[in-house]
Amino acid sequence: MPRRSLLFSPGDRPELLRKAAGTAADVCCFDLEDAVVSDQKDTARAAVREVLADPAFDPDAEVCVRLTATEPAADLDALV
């Protein structure tokens, strides 16, 4: 499927993560990098993990997670 639109949502805003999945965007990107201030990274990781693990979360779009460039291992450990 061609990707025409990409919607970034800040990882520390679970209400926006859930809302993004219901938009007409082709891809929803949950951002753990620039959209989240440093002292909120752990909160954002937990929020993204919770939304992705929720059986009620059934997006129409492809979902990806933008990892923090300086701490990608911490992001992956929190999400997997």
PDB file of N, CA and C in Angstrom:
ATOM      1  N   MET A   1       0.840  -1.174   0.000  1.00  0.00           N
ATOM      2  CA  MET A   1       0.000   0.000   0.000  1.00  0.00           C
ATOM      3  C   MET A   1       0.889   1.243   0.000  1.00  0.00           C
ATOM      4  N   PRO A   2       0.611   2.198  -0.852  1.00  0.00           N
ATOM      5  CA  PRO A   2       1.399   3.429  -0.832  1.00  0.00           C
ATOM      6  C   PRO A   2       1.126   4.225   0.440  1.00  0.00           C
ATOM      7  N   ARG A   3       2.158   4.832   0.946  1.00  0.00           N
ATOM      8  CA  ARG A   3       2.029   5.642   2.159  1.00  0.00           C
ATOM      9  C   ARG A   3       1.988   7.110   1.751  1.00  0.00           C
ATOM     10  N   ARG A   4       0.817   7.707   1.914  1.00  0.00           N
ATOM     11  CA  ARG A   4       0.636   9.093   1.507  1.00  0.00           C
ATOM     12  C   ARG A   4       0.738  10.051   2.673  1.00  0.00           C
ATOM     13  N   SER A   5       0.412   9.565   3.859  1.00  0.00           N
ATOM     14  CA  SER A   5       0.412  10.464   5.014  1.00  0.00           C
ATOM     15  C   SER A   5       0.998   9.766   6.231  1.00  0.00           C
ATOM     16  N   LEU A   6       1.752  10.527   6.998  1.00  0.00           N
ATOM     17  CA  LEU A   6       2.420  10.023   8.195  1.00  0.00           C
ATOM     18  C   LEU A   6       2.073  10.969   9.339  1.00  0.00           C
ATOM     19  N   LEU A   7       1.473  10.428  10.391  1.00  0.00           N
ATOM     20  CA  LEU A   7       1.061  11.236  11.535  1.00  0.00           C
ATOM     21  C   LEU A   7       1.938  10.893  12.736  1.00  0.00           C
ATOM     22  N   PHE A   8       2.672  11.884  13.227  1.00  0.00           N
ATOM     23  CA  PHE A   8       3.498  11.703  14.418  1.00  0.00           C
ATOM     24  C   PHE A   8       2.689  12.090  15.646  1.00  0.00           C
ATOM     25  N   SER A   9       2.772  11.266  16.690  1.00  0.00           N
ATOM     26  CA  SER A   9       2.113  11.557  17.963  1.00  0.00           C
ATOM     27  C   SER A   9       3.141  11.425  19.074  1.00  0.00           C
ATOM     28  N   PRO A  10       3.168  12.371  20.002  1.00  0.00           N
ATOM     29  CA  PRO A  10       4.138  12.294  21.095  1.00  0.00           C
ATOM     30  C   PRO A  10       3.854  11.099  21.997  1.00  0.00           C
ATOM     31  N   GLY A  11       4.889  10.348  22.305  1.00  0.00           N
ATOM     32  CA  GLY A  11       4.736   9.128  23.088  1.00  0.00           C
ATOM     33  C   GLY A  11       4.231   9.320  24.500  1.00  0.00           C
ATOM     34  N   ASP A  12       4.372  10.509  25.037  1.00  0.00           N
ATOM     35  CA  ASP A  12       3.921  10.744  26.411  1.00  0.00           C
ATOM     36  C   ASP A  12       2.477  11.236  26.482  1.00  0.00           C
ATOM     37  N   ARG A  13       1.747  11.124  25.393  1.00  0.00           N
ATOM     38  CA  ARG A  13       0.340  11.550  25.354  1.00  0.00           C
ATOM     39  C   ARG A  13      -0.531  10.378  24.892  1.00  0.00           C
ATOM     40  N   PRO A  14      -0.836   9.429  25.794  1.00  0.00           N
ATOM     41  CA  PRO A  14      -1.573   8.227  25.391  1.00  0.00           C
ATOM     42  C   PRO A  14      -2.914   8.521  24.732  1.00  0.00           C
ATOM     43  N   GLU A  15      -3.554   9.620  25.118  1.00  0.00           N
ATOM     44  CA  GLU A  15      -4.837   9.948  24.494  1.00  0.00           C
ATOM     45  C   GLU A  15      -4.660  10.281  23.015  1.00  0.00           C
ATOM     46  N   LEU A  16      -3.527  10.895  22.665  1.00  0.00           N
ATOM     47  CA  LEU A  16      -3.249  11.193  21.262  1.00  0.00           C
ATOM     48  C   LEU A  16      -2.808   9.950  20.503  1.00  0.00           C
ATOM     49  N   LEU A  17      -2.111   9.039  21.172  1.00  0.00           N
ATOM     50  CA  LEU A  17      -1.716   7.785  20.529  1.00  0.00           C
ATOM     51  C   LEU A  17      -2.958   7.009  20.107  1.00  0.00           C
ATOM     52  N   ARG A  18      -3.913   6.902  21.009  1.00  0.00           N
ATOM     53  CA  ARG A  18      -5.155   6.176  20.698  1.00  0.00           C
ATOM     54  C   ARG A  18      -5.962   6.893  19.618  1.00  0.00           C
ATOM     55  N   LYS A  19      -5.998   8.202  19.683  1.00  0.00           N
ATOM     56  CA  LYS A  19      -6.760   8.986  18.712  1.00  0.00           C
ATOM     57  C   LYS A  19      -6.137   8.896  17.316  1.00  0.00           C
ATOM     58  N   ALA A  20      -4.825   8.834  17.241  1.00  0.00           N
ATOM     59  CA  ALA A  20      -4.127   8.782  15.953  1.00  0.00           C
ATOM     60  C   ALA A  20      -4.551   7.580  15.127  1.00  0.00           C
ATOM     61  N   ALA A  21      -4.820   6.480  15.792  1.00  0.00           N
ATOM     62  CA  ALA A  21      -5.180   5.253  15.080  1.00  0.00           C
ATOM     63  C   ALA A  21      -6.508   5.374  14.351  1.00  0.00           C
ATOM     64  N   GLY A  22      -7.346   6.305  14.751  1.00  0.00           N
ATOM     65  CA  GLY A  22      -8.642   6.470  14.113  1.00  0.00           C
ATOM     66  C   GLY A  22      -8.661   7.519  13.013  1.00  0.00           C
ATOM     67  N   THR A  23      -7.515   8.083  12.704  1.00  0.00           N
ATOM     68  CA  THR A  23      -7.447   9.098  11.648  1.00  0.00           C
ATOM     69  C   THR A  23      -7.310   8.422  10.293  1.00  0.00           C
ATOM     70  N   ALA A  24      -7.288   9.218   9.261  1.00  0.00           N
ATOM     71  CA  ALA A  24      -7.137   8.683   7.906  1.00  0.00           C
ATOM     72  C   ALA A  24      -5.670   8.562   7.495  1.00  0.00           C
ATOM     73  N   ALA A  25      -4.758   8.750   8.435  1.00  0.00           N
ATOM     74  CA  ALA A  25      -3.331   8.641   8.113  1.00  0.00           C
ATOM     75  C   ALA A  25      -2.989   7.211   7.710  1.00  0.00           C
ATOM     76  N   ASP A  26      -2.063   7.072   6.779  1.00  0.00           N
ATOM     77  CA  ASP A  26      -1.614   5.746   6.362  1.00  0.00           C
ATOM     78  C   ASP A  26      -0.667   5.128   7.382  1.00  0.00           C
ATOM     79  N   VAL A  27       0.105   5.979   8.056  1.00  0.00           N
ATOM     80  CA  VAL A  27       1.061   5.515   9.062  1.00  0.00           C
ATOM     81  C   VAL A  27       0.937   6.401  10.302  1.00  0.00           C
ATOM     82  N   CYS A  28       0.863   5.780  11.466  1.00  0.00           N
ATOM     83  CA  CYS A  28       0.900   6.496  12.740  1.00  0.00           C
ATOM     84  C   CYS A  28       2.250   6.201  13.380  1.00  0.00           C
ATOM     85  N   CYS A  29       2.997   7.237  13.656  1.00  0.00           N
ATOM     86  CA  CYS A  29       4.318   7.074  14.255  1.00  0.00           C
ATOM     87  C   CYS A  29       4.281   7.601  15.684  1.00  0.00           C
ATOM     88  N   PHE A  30       4.506   6.708  16.624  1.00  0.00           N
ATOM     89  CA  PHE A  30       4.554   7.083  18.032  1.00  0.00           C
ATOM     90  C   PHE A  30       5.982   7.526  18.326  1.00  0.00           C
ATOM     91  N   ASP A  31       6.137   8.790  18.664  1.00  0.00           N
ATOM     92  CA  ASP A  31       7.453   9.414  18.760  1.00  0.00           C
ATOM     93  C   ASP A  31       7.986   9.403  20.189  1.00  0.00           C
ATOM     94  N   LEU A  32       9.118   8.744  20.377  1.00  0.00           N
ATOM     95  CA  LEU A  32       9.811   8.753  21.664  1.00  0.00           C
ATOM     96  C   LEU A  32      11.018   9.692  21.640  1.00  0.00           C
ATOM     97  N   GLU A  33      11.271  10.315  20.506  1.00  0.00           N
ATOM     98  CA  GLU A  33      12.466  11.146  20.350  1.00  0.00           C
ATOM     99  C   GLU A  33      12.171  12.622  20.615  1.00  0.00           C
ATOM    100  N   ASP A  34      12.022  13.404  19.582  1.00  0.00           N
ATOM    101  CA  ASP A  34      11.931  14.862  19.710  1.00  0.00           C
ATOM    102  C   ASP A  34      10.643  15.364  20.346  1.00  0.00           C
ATOM    103  N   ALA A  35       9.583  14.614  20.254  1.00  0.00           N
ATOM    104  CA  ALA A  35       8.295  15.075  20.786  1.00  0.00           C
ATOM    105  C   ALA A  35       8.187  14.903  22.302  1.00  0.00           C
ATOM    106  N   VAL A  36       9.183  14.258  22.898  1.00  0.00           N
ATOM    107  CA  VAL A  36       9.135  13.968  24.339  1.00  0.00           C
ATOM    108  C   VAL A  36      10.367  14.576  25.013  1.00  0.00           C
ATOM    109  N   VAL A  37      10.136  15.376  26.050  1.00  0.00           N
ATOM    110  CA  VAL A  37      11.271  15.953  26.780  1.00  0.00           C
ATOM    111  C   VAL A  37      11.996  14.853  27.564  1.00  0.00           C
ATOM    112  N   SER A  38      13.254  15.076  27.832  1.00  0.00           N
ATOM    113  CA  SER A  38      14.117  14.045  28.433  1.00  0.00           C
ATOM    114  C   SER A  38      13.562  13.437  29.711  1.00  0.00           C
ATOM    115  N   ASP A  39      13.018  14.264  30.596  1.00  0.00           N
ATOM    116  CA  ASP A  39      12.556  13.715  31.872  1.00  0.00           C
ATOM    117  C   ASP A  39      11.217  12.979  31.762  1.00  0.00           C
ATOM    118  N   GLN A  40      10.643  12.921  30.572  1.00  0.00           N
ATOM    119  CA  GLN A  40       9.388  12.194  30.358  1.00  0.00           C
ATOM    120  C   GLN A  40       9.568  10.932  29.504  1.00  0.00           C
ATOM    121  N   LYS A  41      10.818  10.576  29.182  1.00  0.00           N
ATOM    122  CA  LYS A  41      11.073   9.418  28.309  1.00  0.00           C
ATOM    123  C   LYS A  41      10.513   8.125  28.901  1.00  0.00           C
ATOM    124  N   ASP A  42      10.728   7.872  30.187  1.00  0.00           N
ATOM    125  CA  ASP A  42      10.220   6.641  30.799  1.00  0.00           C
ATOM    126  C   ASP A  42       8.695   6.603  30.787  1.00  0.00           C
ATOM    127  N   THR A  43       8.078   7.737  31.053  1.00  0.00           N
ATOM    128  CA  THR A  43       6.614   7.827  31.001  1.00  0.00           C
ATOM    129  C   THR A  43       6.119   7.538  29.590  1.00  0.00           C
ATOM    130  N   ALA A  44       6.800   8.088  28.603  1.00  0.00           N
ATOM    131  CA  ALA A  44       6.417   7.874  27.208  1.00  0.00           C
ATOM    132  C   ALA A  44       6.582   6.412  26.807  1.00  0.00           C
ATOM    133  N   ARG A  45       7.676   5.798  27.209  1.00  0.00           N
ATOM    134  CA  ARG A  45       7.881   4.376  26.892  1.00  0.00           C
ATOM    135  C   ARG A  45       6.751   3.530  27.466  1.00  0.00           C
ATOM    136  N   ALA A  46       6.392   3.815  28.710  1.00  0.00           N
ATOM    137  CA  ALA A  46       5.314   3.056  29.355  1.00  0.00           C
ATOM    138  C   ALA A  46       3.982   3.288  28.650  1.00  0.00           C
ATOM    139  N   ALA A  47       3.716   4.517  28.241  1.00  0.00           N
ATOM    140  CA  ALA A  47       2.455   4.832  27.563  1.00  0.00           C
ATOM    141  C   ALA A  47       2.366   4.129  26.215  1.00  0.00           C
ATOM    142  N   VAL A  48       3.440   4.157  25.445  1.00  0.00           N
ATOM    143  CA  VAL A  48       3.442   3.489  24.137  1.00  0.00           C
ATOM    144  C   VAL A  48       3.273   1.987  24.323  1.00  0.00           C
ATOM    145  N   ARG A  49       3.997   1.417  25.278  1.00  0.00           N
ATOM    146  CA  ARG A  49       3.869  -0.021  25.550  1.00  0.00           C
ATOM    147  C   ARG A  49       2.430  -0.377  25.921  1.00  0.00           C
ATOM    148  N   GLU A  50       1.815   0.421  26.779  1.00  0.00           N
ATOM    149  CA  GLU A  50       0.443   0.157  27.219  1.00  0.00           C
ATOM    150  C   GLU A  50      -0.546   0.223  26.051  1.00  0.00           C
ATOM    151  N   VAL A  51      -0.415   1.234  25.214  1.00  0.00           N
ATOM    152  CA  VAL A  51      -1.333   1.371  24.073  1.00  0.00           C
ATOM    153  C   VAL A  51      -1.151   0.213  23.096  1.00  0.00           C
ATOM    154  N   LEU A  52       0.084  -0.125  22.769  1.00  0.00           N
ATOM    155  CA  LEU A  52       0.330  -1.207  21.814  1.00  0.00           C
ATOM    156  C   LEU A  52      -0.115  -2.564  22.345  1.00  0.00           C
ATOM    157  N   ALA A  53      -0.064  -2.761  23.656  1.00  0.00           N
ATOM    158  CA  ALA A  53      -0.446  -4.043  24.255  1.00  0.00           C
ATOM    159  C   ALA A  53      -1.952  -4.168  24.476  1.00  0.00           C
ATOM    160  N   ASP A  54      -2.669  -3.075  24.372  1.00  0.00           N
ATOM    161  CA  ASP A  54      -4.113  -3.072  24.622  1.00  0.00           C
ATOM    162  C   ASP A  54      -4.847  -3.796  23.493  1.00  0.00           C
ATOM    163  N   PRO A  55      -5.568  -4.891  23.795  1.00  0.00           N
ATOM    164  CA  PRO A  55      -6.294  -5.614  22.749  1.00  0.00           C
ATOM    165  C   PRO A  55      -7.353  -4.752  22.057  1.00  0.00           C
ATOM    166  N   ALA A  56      -7.819  -3.715  22.714  1.00  0.00           N
ATOM    167  CA  ALA A  56      -8.821  -2.829  22.111  1.00  0.00           C
ATOM    168  C   ALA A  56      -8.200  -1.869  21.089  1.00  0.00           C
ATOM    169  N   PHE A  57      -6.879  -1.742  21.111  1.00  0.00           N
ATOM    170  CA  PHE A  57      -6.195  -0.871  20.156  1.00  0.00           C
ATOM    171  C   PHE A  57      -6.090  -1.609  18.833  1.00  0.00           C
ATOM    172  N   ASP A  58      -6.891  -1.197  17.872  1.00  0.00           N
ATOM    173  CA  ASP A  58      -6.964  -1.878  16.575  1.00  0.00           C
ATOM    174  C   ASP A  58      -6.900  -0.830  15.467  1.00  0.00           C
ATOM    175  N   PRO A  59      -5.701  -0.352  15.162  1.00  0.00           N
ATOM    176  CA  PRO A  59      -5.574   0.743  14.204  1.00  0.00           C
ATOM    177  C   PRO A  59      -5.850   0.304  12.767  1.00  0.00           C
ATOM    178  N   ASP A  60      -6.378   1.234  11.985  1.00  0.00           N
ATOM    179  CA  ASP A  60      -6.556   1.004  10.552  1.00  0.00           C
ATOM    180  C   ASP A  60      -5.257   1.281   9.806  1.00  0.00           C
ATOM    181  N   ALA A  61      -4.337   1.951  10.447  1.00  0.00           N
ATOM    182  CA  ALA A  61      -3.087   2.370   9.825  1.00  0.00           C
ATOM    183  C   ALA A  61      -1.926   1.491  10.284  1.00  0.00           C
ATOM    184  N   GLU A  62      -0.858   1.574   9.544  1.00  0.00           N
ATOM    185  CA  GLU A  62       0.408   0.975   9.967  1.00  0.00           C
ATOM    186  C   GLU A  62       0.918   1.800  11.146  1.00  0.00           C
ATOM    187  N   VAL A  63       1.494   1.142  12.137  1.00  0.00           N
ATOM    188  CA  VAL A  63       2.009   1.844  13.315  1.00  0.00           C
ATOM    189  C   VAL A  63       3.507   1.589  13.425  1.00  0.00           C
ATOM    190  N   CYS A  64       4.258   2.647  13.689  1.00  0.00           N
ATOM    191  CA  CYS A  64       5.690   2.507  13.937  1.00  0.00           C
ATOM    192  C   CYS A  64       6.040   3.348  15.158  1.00  0.00           C
ATOM    193  N   VAL A  65       7.200   3.078  15.720  1.00  0.00           N
ATOM    194  CA  VAL A  65       7.675   3.826  16.883  1.00  0.00           C
ATOM    195  C   VAL A  65       9.027   4.431  16.531  1.00  0.00           C
ATOM    196  N   ARG A  66       9.148   5.724  16.713  1.00  0.00           N
ATOM    197  CA  ARG A  66      10.423   6.415  16.498  1.00  0.00           C
ATOM    198  C   ARG A  66      11.202   6.359  17.801  1.00  0.00           C
ATOM    199  N   LEU A  67      12.333   5.676  17.765  1.00  0.00           N
ATOM    200  CA  LEU A  67      13.150   5.481  18.957  1.00  0.00           C
ATOM    201  C   LEU A  67      14.033   6.692  19.232  1.00  0.00           C
ATOM    202  N   THR A  68      14.449   6.811  20.475  1.00  0.00           N
ATOM    203  CA  THR A  68      15.372   7.861  20.886  1.00  0.00           C
ATOM    204  C   THR A  68      16.764   7.513  20.366  1.00  0.00           C
ATOM    205  N   ALA A  69      17.381   8.426  19.647  1.00  0.00           N
ATOM    206  CA  ALA A  69      18.687   8.158  19.048  1.00  0.00           C
ATOM    207  C   ALA A  69      19.758   7.874  20.091  1.00  0.00           C
ATOM    208  N   THR A  70      19.672   8.525  21.245  1.00  0.00           N
ATOM    209  CA  THR A  70      20.709   8.357  22.261  1.00  0.00           C
ATOM    210  C   THR A  70      20.472   7.150  23.161  1.00  0.00           C
ATOM    211  N   GLU A  71      19.246   6.620  23.177  1.00  0.00           N
ATOM    212  CA  GLU A  71      18.922   5.483  24.041  1.00  0.00           C
ATOM    213  C   GLU A  71      18.020   4.457  23.343  1.00  0.00           C
ATOM    214  N   PRO A  72      18.380   4.005  22.154  1.00  0.00           N
ATOM    215  CA  PRO A  72      17.483   3.079  21.453  1.00  0.00           C
ATOM    216  C   PRO A  72      17.295   1.757  22.194  1.00  0.00           C
ATOM    217  N   ALA A  73      18.322   1.284  22.876  1.00  0.00           N
ATOM    218  CA  ALA A  73      18.200   0.018  23.613  1.00  0.00           C
ATOM    219  C   ALA A  73      17.182   0.142  24.743  1.00  0.00           C
ATOM    220  N   ALA A  74      17.173   1.266  25.433  1.00  0.00           N
ATOM    221  CA  ALA A  74      16.195   1.480  26.508  1.00  0.00           C
ATOM    222  C   ALA A  74      14.783   1.504  25.947  1.00  0.00           C
ATOM    223  N   ASP A  75      14.613   2.127  24.786  1.00  0.00           N
ATOM    224  CA  ASP A  75      13.294   2.148  24.146  1.00  0.00           C
ATOM    225  C   ASP A  75      12.850   0.738  23.782  1.00  0.00           C
ATOM    226  N   LEU A  76      13.734  -0.014  23.147  1.00  0.00           N
ATOM    227  CA  LEU A  76      13.384  -1.379  22.740  1.00  0.00           C
ATOM    228  C   LEU A  76      13.104  -2.270  23.939  1.00  0.00           C
ATOM    229  N   ASP A  77      13.922  -2.162  24.977  1.00  0.00           N
ATOM    230  CA  ASP A  77      13.691  -2.965  26.189  1.00  0.00           C
ATOM    231  C   ASP A  77      12.324  -2.671  26.793  1.00  0.00           C
ATOM    232  N   ALA A  78      11.915  -1.428  26.763  1.00  0.00           N
ATOM    233  CA  ALA A  78      10.629  -1.044  27.344  1.00  0.00           C
ATOM    234  C   ALA A  78       9.452  -1.500  26.494  1.00  0.00           C
ATOM    235  N   LEU A  79       9.658  -1.619  25.191  1.00  0.00           N
ATOM    236  CA  LEU A  79       8.555  -1.938  24.289  1.00  0.00           C
ATOM    237  C   LEU A  79       8.398  -3.416  23.993  1.00  0.00           C
ATOM    238  N   VAL A  80       9.464  -4.164  24.103  1.00  0.00           N
ATOM    239  CA  VAL A  80       9.411  -5.591  23.722  1.00  0.00           C
ATOM    240  C   VAL A  80       9.294  -6.459  24.949  1.00  0.00           C
TER     241      VAL A  80
END
